[in-house]
Amino acid sequence: MKCIYCKGEMVRKTAPFHTDRKGYHLLFDAIPAWVCGQCGEAYFEEAEVDAIQEVLRKIDKETEKLVVAN
């Protein structure tokens, strides 16, 4: 597989994922991903994206009790 940005070779490794949303910050240090050996760009497969989205849905539901809209 080739990187869409630099055309470098993709290798299976782990990569960080972070997001800021709805009053909180979420950071995963090592999610399985395809990572470009040249530029470091990471691509997550569908299973990992689905798992991340499920975590976000659950956190969103729980943080509704804690976060006050400005």
PDB file of N, CA and C in Angstrom:
ATOM      1  N   MET A   1       0.853  -1.166   0.000  1.00  0.00           N
ATOM      2  CA  MET A   1       0.000   0.000   0.000  1.00  0.00           C
ATOM      3  C   MET A   1       0.907   1.239   0.000  1.00  0.00           C
ATOM      4  N   LYS A   2       0.506   2.251  -0.752  1.00  0.00           N
ATOM      5  CA  LYS A   2       1.274   3.493  -0.857  1.00  0.00           C
ATOM      6  C   LYS A   2       0.531   4.641  -0.177  1.00  0.00           C
ATOM      7  N   CYS A   3       1.276   5.535   0.414  1.00  0.00           N
ATOM      8  CA  CYS A   3       0.734   6.734   1.047  1.00  0.00           C
ATOM      9  C   CYS A   3       0.151   7.652  -0.028  1.00  0.00           C
ATOM     10  N   ILE A   4      -1.032   8.188   0.226  1.00  0.00           N
ATOM     11  CA  ILE A   4      -1.647   9.070  -0.776  1.00  0.00           C
ATOM     12  C   ILE A   4      -0.958  10.435  -0.830  1.00  0.00           C
ATOM     13  N   TYR A   5      -0.190  10.801   0.201  1.00  0.00           N
ATOM     14  CA  TYR A   5       0.474  12.103   0.225  1.00  0.00           C
ATOM     15  C   TYR A   5       1.844  12.078  -0.430  1.00  0.00           C
ATOM     16  N   CYS A   6       2.687  11.102  -0.040  1.00  0.00           N
ATOM     17  CA  CYS A   6       4.071  11.125  -0.523  1.00  0.00           C
ATOM     18  C   CYS A   6       4.437   9.888  -1.334  1.00  0.00           C
ATOM     19  N   LYS A   7       3.518   8.940  -1.433  1.00  0.00           N
ATOM     20  CA  LYS A   7       3.715   7.685  -2.165  1.00  0.00           C
ATOM     21  C   LYS A   7       4.705   6.751  -1.484  1.00  0.00           C
ATOM     22  N   GLY A   8       5.015   7.017  -0.201  1.00  0.00           N
ATOM     23  CA  GLY A   8       5.883   6.129   0.564  1.00  0.00           C
ATOM     24  C   GLY A   8       5.165   4.822   0.873  1.00  0.00           C
ATOM     25  N   GLU A   9       5.915   3.834   1.315  1.00  0.00           N
ATOM     26  CA  GLU A   9       5.367   2.519   1.635  1.00  0.00           C
ATOM     27  C   GLU A   9       4.711   2.534   3.020  1.00  0.00           C
ATOM     28  N   MET A  10       3.506   1.972   3.110  1.00  0.00           N
ATOM     29  CA  MET A  10       2.775   1.894   4.372  1.00  0.00           C
ATOM     30  C   MET A  10       3.137   0.587   5.071  1.00  0.00           C
ATOM     31  N   VAL A  11       3.339   0.660   6.391  1.00  0.00           N
ATOM     32  CA  VAL A  11       3.631  -0.519   7.193  1.00  0.00           C
ATOM     33  C   VAL A  11       2.651  -0.568   8.366  1.00  0.00           C
ATOM     34  N   ARG A  12       2.358  -1.784   8.817  1.00  0.00           N
ATOM     35  CA  ARG A  12       1.415  -1.955   9.932  1.00  0.00           C
ATOM     36  C   ARG A  12       2.156  -1.693  11.238  1.00  0.00           C
ATOM     37  N   LYS A  13       1.682  -0.687  11.977  1.00  0.00           N
ATOM     38  CA  LYS A  13       2.271  -0.290  13.251  1.00  0.00           C
ATOM     39  C   LYS A  13       1.152   0.218  14.150  1.00  0.00           C
ATOM     40  N   THR A  14       1.495   1.109  15.056  1.00  0.00           N
ATOM     41  CA  THR A  14       0.488   1.813  15.838  1.00  0.00           C
ATOM     42  C   THR A  14       0.727   3.307  15.680  1.00  0.00           C
ATOM     43  N   ALA A  15      -0.331   4.066  15.927  1.00  0.00           N
ATOM     44  CA  ALA A  15      -0.245   5.522  15.817  1.00  0.00           C
ATOM     45  C   ALA A  15      -1.143   6.146  16.874  1.00  0.00           C
ATOM     46  N   PRO A  16      -0.799   7.353  17.314  1.00  0.00           N
ATOM     47  CA  PRO A  16      -1.677   8.036  18.266  1.00  0.00           C
ATOM     48  C   PRO A  16      -2.929   8.558  17.565  1.00  0.00           C
ATOM     49  N   PHE A  17      -3.974   8.721  18.346  1.00  0.00           N
ATOM     50  CA  PHE A  17      -5.197   9.358  17.867  1.00  0.00           C
ATOM     51  C   PHE A  17      -5.647  10.322  18.945  1.00  0.00           C
ATOM     52  N   HIS A  18      -5.962  11.547  18.544  1.00  0.00           N
ATOM     53  CA  HIS A  18      -6.483  12.504  19.522  1.00  0.00           C
ATOM     54  C   HIS A  18      -7.567  13.358  18.883  1.00  0.00           C
ATOM     55  N   THR A  19      -8.475  13.807  19.738  1.00  0.00           N
ATOM     56  CA  THR A  19      -9.550  14.683  19.281  1.00  0.00           C
ATOM     57  C   THR A  19      -9.974  15.594  20.423  1.00  0.00           C
ATOM     58  N   ASP A  20     -10.422  16.765  20.064  1.00  0.00           N
ATOM     59  CA  ASP A  20     -11.000  17.726  21.001  1.00  0.00           C
ATOM     60  C   ASP A  20     -12.452  17.895  20.583  1.00  0.00           C
ATOM     61  N   ARG A  21     -13.367  17.621  21.533  1.00  0.00           N
ATOM     62  CA  ARG A  21     -14.775  17.746  21.172  1.00  0.00           C
ATOM     63  C   ARG A  21     -15.643  17.893  22.405  1.00  0.00           C
ATOM     64  N   LYS A  22     -16.704  18.641  22.245  1.00  0.00           N
ATOM     65  CA  LYS A  22     -17.754  18.770  23.251  1.00  0.00           C
ATOM     66  C   LYS A  22     -17.218  18.938  24.665  1.00  0.00           C
ATOM     67  N   GLY A  23     -16.177  19.726  24.825  1.00  0.00           N
ATOM     68  CA  GLY A  23     -15.679  20.040  26.151  1.00  0.00           C
ATOM     69  C   GLY A  23     -14.676  19.071  26.734  1.00  0.00           C
ATOM     70  N   TYR A  24     -14.174  18.146  25.950  1.00  0.00           N
ATOM     71  CA  TYR A  24     -13.160  17.226  26.462  1.00  0.00           C
ATOM     72  C   TYR A  24     -12.117  16.924  25.398  1.00  0.00           C
ATOM     73  N   HIS A  25     -10.992  16.382  25.857  1.00  0.00           N
ATOM     74  CA  HIS A  25      -9.889  15.963  24.988  1.00  0.00           C
ATOM     75  C   HIS A  25      -9.713  14.463  25.163  1.00  0.00           C
ATOM     76  N   LEU A  26      -9.564  13.743  24.069  1.00  0.00           N
ATOM     77  CA  LEU A  26      -9.366  12.301  24.130  1.00  0.00           C
ATOM     78  C   LEU A  26      -8.076  11.970  23.392  1.00  0.00           C
ATOM     79  N   LEU A  27      -7.224  11.172  24.019  1.00  0.00           N
ATOM     80  CA  LEU A  27      -5.958  10.765  23.417  1.00  0.00           C
ATOM     81  C   LEU A  27      -5.764   9.271  23.618  1.00  0.00           C
ATOM     82  N   PHE A  28      -5.552   8.574  22.526  1.00  0.00           N
ATOM     83  CA  PHE A  28      -5.106   7.185  22.556  1.00  0.00           C
ATOM     84  C   PHE A  28      -3.656   7.208  22.082  1.00  0.00           C
ATOM     85  N   ASP A  29      -2.772   6.570  22.814  1.00  0.00           N
ATOM     86  CA  ASP A  29      -1.351   6.590  22.458  1.00  0.00           C
ATOM     87  C   ASP A  29      -0.989   5.654  21.315  1.00  0.00           C
ATOM     88  N   ALA A  30      -1.667   4.517  21.209  1.00  0.00           N
ATOM     89  CA  ALA A  30      -1.227   3.510  20.238  1.00  0.00           C
ATOM     90  C   ALA A  30      -2.412   2.721  19.690  1.00  0.00           C
ATOM     91  N   ILE A  31      -2.970   3.197  18.583  1.00  0.00           N
ATOM     92  CA  ILE A  31      -4.050   2.518  17.879  1.00  0.00           C
ATOM     93  C   ILE A  31      -3.430   1.795  16.676  1.00  0.00           C
ATOM     94  N   PRO A  32      -3.797   0.524  16.427  1.00  0.00           N
ATOM     95  CA  PRO A  32      -3.274  -0.149  15.238  1.00  0.00           C
ATOM     96  C   PRO A  32      -3.599   0.661  13.979  1.00  0.00           C
ATOM     97  N   ALA A  33      -2.613   0.806  13.107  1.00  0.00           N
ATOM     98  CA  ALA A  33      -2.790   1.634  11.906  1.00  0.00           C
ATOM     99  C   ALA A  33      -1.774   1.243  10.843  1.00  0.00           C
ATOM    100  N   TRP A  34      -2.034   1.713   9.638  1.00  0.00           N
ATOM    101  CA  TRP A  34      -1.041   1.676   8.579  1.00  0.00           C
ATOM    102  C   TRP A  34      -0.323   3.016   8.632  1.00  0.00           C
ATOM    103  N   VAL A  35       0.993   2.988   8.743  1.00  0.00           N
ATOM    104  CA  VAL A  35       1.777   4.207   8.916  1.00  0.00           C
ATOM    105  C   VAL A  35       2.797   4.298   7.792  1.00  0.00           C
ATOM    106  N   CYS A  36       2.891   5.468   7.180  1.00  0.00           N
ATOM    107  CA  CYS A  36       3.848   5.691   6.100  1.00  0.00           C
ATOM    108  C   CYS A  36       5.261   5.726   6.673  1.00  0.00           C
ATOM    109  N   GLY A  37       6.137   4.908   6.100  1.00  0.00           N
ATOM    110  CA  GLY A  37       7.521   4.866   6.534  1.00  0.00           C
ATOM    111  C   GLY A  37       8.306   6.095   6.134  1.00  0.00           C
ATOM    112  N   GLN A  38       7.752   6.896   5.231  1.00  0.00           N
ATOM    113  CA  GLN A  38       8.451   8.082   4.746  1.00  0.00           C
ATOM    114  C   GLN A  38       7.986   9.353   5.456  1.00  0.00           C
ATOM    115  N   CYS A  39       6.681   9.608   5.490  1.00  0.00           N
ATOM    116  CA  CYS A  39       6.184  10.874   6.060  1.00  0.00           C
ATOM    117  C   CYS A  39       5.472  10.696   7.401  1.00  0.00           C
ATOM    118  N   GLY A  40       5.148   9.444   7.781  1.00  0.00           N
ATOM    119  CA  GLY A  40       4.516   9.196   9.066  1.00  0.00           C
ATOM    120  C   GLY A  40       3.005   9.308   9.079  1.00  0.00           C
ATOM    121  N   GLU A  41       2.389   9.599   7.946  1.00  0.00           N
ATOM    122  CA  GLU A  41       0.925   9.681   7.885  1.00  0.00           C
ATOM    123  C   GLU A  41       0.322   8.345   8.294  1.00  0.00           C
ATOM    124  N   ALA A  42      -0.756   8.384   9.097  1.00  0.00           N
ATOM    125  CA  ALA A  42      -1.386   7.159   9.586  1.00  0.00           C
ATOM    126  C   ALA A  42      -2.784   7.002   9.000  1.00  0.00           C
ATOM    127  N   TYR A  43      -3.118   5.759   8.669  1.00  0.00           N
ATOM    128  CA  TYR A  43      -4.448   5.406   8.189  1.00  0.00           C
ATOM    129  C   TYR A  43      -4.994   4.314   9.091  1.00  0.00           C
ATOM    130  N   PHE A  44      -6.204   4.515   9.587  1.00  0.00           N
ATOM    131  CA  PHE A  44      -6.847   3.529  10.450  1.00  0.00           C
ATOM    132  C   PHE A  44      -7.826   2.715   9.628  1.00  0.00           C
ATOM    133  N   GLU A  45      -7.870   1.405   9.900  1.00  0.00           N
ATOM    134  CA  GLU A  45      -8.816   0.538   9.209  1.00  0.00           C
ATOM    135  C   GLU A  45     -10.208   0.688   9.819  1.00  0.00           C
ATOM    136  N   GLU A  46     -11.195   0.169   9.126  1.00  0.00           N
ATOM    137  CA  GLU A  46     -12.593   0.331   9.522  1.00  0.00           C
ATOM    138  C   GLU A  46     -12.862  -0.150  10.947  1.00  0.00           C
ATOM    139  N   ALA A  47     -12.286  -1.279  11.349  1.00  0.00           N
ATOM    140  CA  ALA A  47     -12.539  -1.813  12.695  1.00  0.00           C
ATOM    141  C   ALA A  47     -12.064  -0.841  13.767  1.00  0.00           C
ATOM    142  N   GLU A  48     -10.894  -0.238  13.551  1.00  0.00           N
ATOM    143  CA  GLU A  48     -10.380   0.723  14.520  1.00  0.00           C
ATOM    144  C   GLU A  48     -11.223   1.994  14.538  1.00  0.00           C
ATOM    145  N   VAL A  49     -11.640   2.463  13.378  1.00  0.00           N
ATOM    146  CA  VAL A  49     -12.487   3.658  13.296  1.00  0.00           C
ATOM    147  C   VAL A  49     -13.817   3.394  14.004  1.00  0.00           C
ATOM    148  N   ASP A  50     -14.401   2.226  13.776  1.00  0.00           N
ATOM    149  CA  ASP A  50     -15.663   1.887  14.441  1.00  0.00           C
ATOM    150  C   ASP A  50     -15.495   1.866  15.955  1.00  0.00           C
ATOM    151  N   ALA A  51     -14.384   1.293  16.439  1.00  0.00           N
ATOM    152  CA  ALA A  51     -14.139   1.231  17.882  1.00  0.00           C
ATOM    153  C   ALA A  51     -13.954   2.628  18.468  1.00  0.00           C
ATOM    154  N   ILE A  52     -13.218   3.478  17.780  1.00  0.00           N
ATOM    155  CA  ILE A  52     -13.020   4.858  18.239  1.00  0.00           C
ATOM    156  C   ILE A  52     -14.361   5.589  18.290  1.00  0.00           C
ATOM    157  N   GLN A  53     -15.169   5.438  17.247  1.00  0.00           N
ATOM    158  CA  GLN A  53     -16.469   6.107  17.213  1.00  0.00           C
ATOM    159  C   GLN A  53     -17.376   5.621  18.337  1.00  0.00           C
ATOM    160  N   GLU A  54     -17.319   4.343  18.677  1.00  0.00           N
ATOM    161  CA  GLU A  54     -18.130   3.813  19.772  1.00  0.00           C
ATOM    162  C   GLU A  54     -17.697   4.422  21.099  1.00  0.00           C
ATOM    163  N   VAL A  55     -16.393   4.536  21.322  1.00  0.00           N
ATOM    164  CA  VAL A  55     -15.885   5.179  22.542  1.00  0.00           C
ATOM    165  C   VAL A  55     -16.364   6.625  22.604  1.00  0.00           C
ATOM    166  N   LEU A  56     -16.279   7.340  21.488  1.00  0.00           N
ATOM    167  CA  LEU A  56     -16.714   8.739  21.455  1.00  0.00           C
ATOM    168  C   LEU A  56     -18.203   8.874  21.767  1.00  0.00           C
ATOM    169  N   ARG A  57     -19.023   7.979  21.207  1.00  0.00           N
ATOM    170  CA  ARG A  57     -20.463   8.013  21.505  1.00  0.00           C
ATOM    171  C   ARG A  57     -20.712   7.843  23.001  1.00  0.00           C
ATOM    172  N   LYS A  58     -20.021   6.891  23.603  1.00  0.00           N
ATOM    173  CA  LYS A  58     -20.206   6.634  25.037  1.00  0.00           C
ATOM    174  C   LYS A  58     -19.729   7.812  25.879  1.00  0.00           C
ATOM    175  N   ILE A  59     -18.576   8.366  25.534  1.00  0.00           N
ATOM    176  CA  ILE A  59     -18.062   9.514  26.291  1.00  0.00           C
ATOM    177  C   ILE A  59     -18.986  10.712  26.112  1.00  0.00           C
ATOM    178  N   ASP A  60     -19.448  10.957  24.879  1.00  0.00           N
ATOM    179  CA  ASP A  60     -20.379  12.068  24.638  1.00  0.00           C
ATOM    180  C   ASP A  60     -21.594  11.958  25.547  1.00  0.00           C
ATOM    181  N   LYS A  61     -22.141  10.756  25.661  1.00  0.00           N
ATOM    182  CA  LYS A  61     -23.331  10.549  26.486  1.00  0.00           C
ATOM    183  C   LYS A  61     -23.036  10.857  27.956  1.00  0.00           C
ATOM    184  N   GLU A  62     -21.892  10.393  28.435  1.00  0.00           N
ATOM    185  CA  GLU A  62     -21.540  10.608  29.838  1.00  0.00           C
ATOM    186  C   GLU A  62     -21.155  12.056  30.127  1.00  0.00           C
ATOM    187  N   THR A  63     -20.483  12.720  29.199  1.00  0.00           N
ATOM    188  CA  THR A  63     -20.055  14.089  29.459  1.00  0.00           C
ATOM    189  C   THR A  63     -21.204  15.079  29.401  1.00  0.00           C
ATOM    190  N   GLU A  64     -22.343  14.694  28.810  1.00  0.00           N
ATOM    191  CA  GLU A  64     -23.518  15.571  28.832  1.00  0.00           C
ATOM    192  C   GLU A  64     -23.885  15.940  30.269  1.00  0.00           C
ATOM    193  N   LYS A  65     -23.581  15.061  31.198  1.00  0.00           N
ATOM    194  CA  LYS A  65     -23.886  15.293  32.616  1.00  0.00           C
ATOM    195  C   LYS A  65     -22.905  16.259  33.266  1.00  0.00           C
ATOM    196  N   LEU A  66     -21.737  16.449  32.652  1.00  0.00           N
ATOM    197  CA  LEU A  66     -20.668  17.225  33.270  1.00  0.00           C
ATOM    198  C   LEU A  66     -20.367  18.563  32.605  1.00  0.00           C
ATOM    199  N   VAL A  67     -20.517  18.615  31.292  1.00  0.00           N
ATOM    200  CA  VAL A  67     -20.095  19.791  30.534  1.00  0.00           C
ATOM    201  C   VAL A  67     -21.244  20.774  30.374  1.00  0.00           C
ATOM    202  N   VAL A  68     -20.990  22.017  30.714  1.00  0.00           N
ATOM    203  CA  VAL A  68     -21.979  23.074  30.591  1.00  0.00           C
ATOM    204  C   VAL A  68     -21.687  23.854  29.324  1.00  0.00           C
ATOM    205  N   ALA A  69     -22.688  24.044  28.485  1.00  0.00           N
ATOM    206  CA  ALA A  69     -22.510  24.823  27.260  1.00  0.00           C
ATOM    207  C   ALA A  69     -22.265  26.285  27.597  1.00  0.00           C
ATOM    208  N   ASN A  70     -21.416  26.942  26.831  1.00  0.00           N
ATOM    209  CA  ASN A  70     -21.114  28.370  27.046  1.00  0.00           C
ATOM    210  C   ASN A  70     -22.152  29.244  26.399  1.00  0.00           C
TER     211      ASN A  70
END
